Protein backbone atom coordinates (compact mmCIF):
# COMPACT_ATOMS: atom_id res chain seq x y z
CA MET A 1 239.66 9.21 -5.35
CA ALA A 2 237.81 6.48 -7.21
CA GLU A 3 237.05 8.97 -9.98
CA LYS A 4 240.72 9.82 -10.45
CA THR A 5 241.74 6.17 -10.89
CA GLU A 6 239.00 5.56 -13.43
CA THR A 7 240.04 8.54 -15.53
CA LYS A 8 243.63 7.37 -15.51
CA LYS A 9 242.78 3.81 -16.64
CA ALA A 10 240.59 4.78 -19.58
CA PRO A 11 243.32 6.55 -21.64
CA VAL A 12 245.76 3.68 -21.01
CA LYS A 13 243.29 1.12 -22.42
CA ALA A 14 242.56 3.30 -25.43
CA ALA A 15 246.28 3.70 -26.14
CA ALA A 16 246.84 -0.04 -25.83
CA LYS A 17 244.08 -0.77 -28.33
CA LYS A 18 245.50 1.68 -30.84
CA ALA A 19 248.98 0.19 -30.58
CA ALA A 20 247.98 -3.38 -31.47
CA PRO A 21 245.99 -3.63 -34.75
CA LYS A 22 243.40 -6.40 -34.76
CA GLN A 23 243.94 -9.28 -37.15
CA LYS A 24 240.84 -10.69 -38.77
CA LYS A 25 240.53 -14.29 -37.66
CA ILE A 26 238.89 -16.67 -40.09
CA SER A 27 236.56 -19.10 -38.40
CA VAL A 28 237.16 -22.55 -39.83
CA LYS A 29 234.07 -24.63 -39.22
CA LYS A 30 234.54 -27.95 -40.97
CA LYS A 31 232.19 -30.90 -41.01
CA SER A 32 233.06 -33.89 -38.87
CA LYS A 33 234.70 -36.69 -40.83
CA LYS A 34 232.70 -39.87 -41.04
CA LYS A 35 234.47 -43.20 -41.11
CA PHE A 36 233.69 -45.15 -44.27
CA THR A 37 234.63 -48.81 -44.02
CA VAL A 38 234.40 -52.02 -46.01
CA PRO A 39 231.77 -54.44 -44.63
CA ASN A 40 233.07 -57.18 -42.31
CA THR A 41 236.19 -55.25 -41.26
CA THR A 42 234.90 -54.17 -37.85
CA GLY A 43 233.06 -55.85 -35.00
CA CYS A 44 233.32 -59.25 -33.34
CA ARG A 45 233.18 -61.34 -36.55
CA ARG A 46 235.62 -59.24 -38.54
CA MET A 47 237.80 -60.71 -41.25
CA LYS A 48 241.42 -60.29 -40.25
CA SER A 49 242.59 -60.39 -43.87
CA VAL A 50 240.46 -57.36 -44.84
CA LYS A 51 241.96 -54.07 -43.66
CA SER A 52 239.64 -51.27 -42.57
CA ARG A 53 239.75 -48.88 -45.53
CA TRP A 54 237.30 -47.72 -48.18
CA ARG A 55 236.62 -49.60 -51.40
CA LYS A 56 233.58 -48.99 -53.60
CA GLN A 57 231.18 -51.91 -53.41
CA THR A 58 230.56 -53.66 -56.74
CA GLY A 59 228.63 -56.89 -56.09
CA ILE A 60 225.09 -57.17 -57.45
CA ASP A 61 223.62 -58.20 -54.09
CA ASN A 62 225.89 -56.07 -51.90
CA LYS A 63 223.85 -54.40 -49.16
CA LYS A 64 226.28 -51.50 -48.82
CA ARG A 65 225.99 -50.71 -52.55
CA ILE A 66 222.19 -50.69 -52.25
CA ARG A 67 222.65 -48.24 -49.33
CA LYS A 68 221.03 -50.27 -46.58
CA ALA A 69 221.26 -48.23 -43.35
CA PHE A 70 222.60 -51.06 -41.16
CA MET A 71 225.71 -51.42 -43.35
CA GLY A 72 226.98 -47.93 -42.52
CA LYS A 73 227.55 -44.71 -44.44
CA SER A 74 229.06 -44.40 -47.91
CA PRO A 75 230.85 -41.32 -49.24
CA ARG A 76 228.78 -38.87 -51.28
CA VAL A 77 229.22 -35.42 -52.77
CA GLY A 78 227.50 -33.83 -49.77
CA ASN A 79 230.36 -34.88 -47.47
CA LYS A 80 232.67 -32.17 -48.87
CA ASN A 81 233.44 -29.07 -46.83
CA ALA A 82 232.64 -25.56 -48.03
CA GLU A 83 234.96 -24.31 -50.78
CA ASP A 84 236.40 -21.41 -48.77
CA VAL A 85 237.27 -23.72 -45.84
CA ARG A 86 238.59 -26.68 -47.82
CA GLY A 87 242.33 -27.25 -47.38
CA LEU A 88 242.71 -24.82 -44.48
CA HIS A 89 244.34 -25.64 -41.16
CA PRO A 90 242.00 -25.31 -38.13
CA LEU A 91 243.87 -22.08 -37.26
CA GLY A 92 242.40 -20.54 -40.42
CA LEU A 93 245.54 -20.32 -42.58
CA GLN A 94 246.91 -22.27 -45.53
CA GLU A 95 249.57 -24.84 -44.68
CA ILE A 96 252.75 -25.46 -46.69
CA LEU A 97 255.15 -28.39 -46.52
CA VAL A 98 258.80 -27.33 -46.50
CA ASN A 99 261.82 -29.46 -47.40
CA ASN A 100 264.49 -26.73 -47.47
CA VAL A 101 265.10 -23.05 -46.70
CA LYS A 102 264.50 -21.97 -50.33
CA GLU A 103 260.84 -22.99 -50.13
CA LEU A 104 260.23 -20.35 -47.45
CA GLU A 105 260.95 -17.52 -49.90
CA GLY A 106 257.87 -15.42 -50.59
CA ALA A 107 255.77 -17.19 -47.96
CA GLU A 108 253.37 -14.84 -46.17
CA LYS A 109 250.42 -15.58 -43.89
CA VAL A 110 250.89 -19.35 -44.02
CA LEU A 111 251.63 -22.10 -41.54
CA VAL A 112 254.84 -24.06 -42.06
CA ARG A 113 255.11 -27.82 -41.62
CA ILE A 114 258.61 -29.26 -41.98
CA ALA A 115 258.80 -32.53 -43.93
CA SER A 116 259.63 -35.62 -41.89
CA LYS A 117 262.63 -36.58 -44.03
CA VAL A 118 264.46 -33.33 -43.18
CA GLY A 119 267.42 -33.85 -40.86
CA LYS A 120 268.34 -32.04 -37.66
CA ARG A 121 270.72 -29.51 -39.19
CA LYS A 122 268.43 -28.39 -42.03
CA LYS A 123 265.46 -28.33 -39.66
CA ALA A 124 267.31 -25.90 -37.38
CA ASP A 125 268.08 -23.67 -40.42
CA ILE A 126 264.42 -23.74 -41.52
CA VAL A 127 263.25 -22.85 -38.00
CA ALA A 128 265.65 -19.91 -37.82
CA LYS A 129 264.57 -18.57 -41.23
CA ALA A 130 260.87 -18.99 -40.41
CA LYS A 131 261.28 -17.05 -37.15
CA GLU A 132 263.03 -14.32 -39.11
CA LEU A 133 260.05 -14.14 -41.49
CA ASN A 134 257.54 -14.28 -38.57
CA LEU A 135 256.02 -17.58 -39.74
CA ARG A 136 254.50 -20.15 -37.40
CA ILE A 137 255.92 -23.68 -37.50
CA LEU A 138 253.57 -26.54 -36.66
CA ASN A 139 256.21 -29.19 -35.91
CA GLU A 140 259.09 -27.15 -34.59
CA GLY A 141 260.42 -29.65 -32.01
CA VAL A 142 264.14 -29.42 -32.78
CA LYS A 143 266.16 -31.83 -30.66
CA LYS A 144 269.42 -30.45 -29.31
């Protein structure tokens, strides 16, 4: 009896595989983002007036400009991601920002992000149109 059940299962699996075509998934392996800061913006003796952001160091005696290791990392060309991965969402598709329904025309194989300034009514219209076109929305959360 065990043989009969095995023979029955094999054709079902084969039929299921034929029905659903495999989509090629792009593996998006990006580099980790380093945090580049201005000296004296972090730690116990930080200057409260200096916000933690990046500015190129210009002083003649500046240790960060001389690239002393204890001052932290500075951005360089080598920090870029590979060209084929740059600008892609971690899901492996290009992402577009949409403000209205017209911008969805001609969109294929992309991820949709609805702009924050779009209101409830237009957002519901965009969601409906995107579902019609089989597009994935990243920030769908429509409040009812």
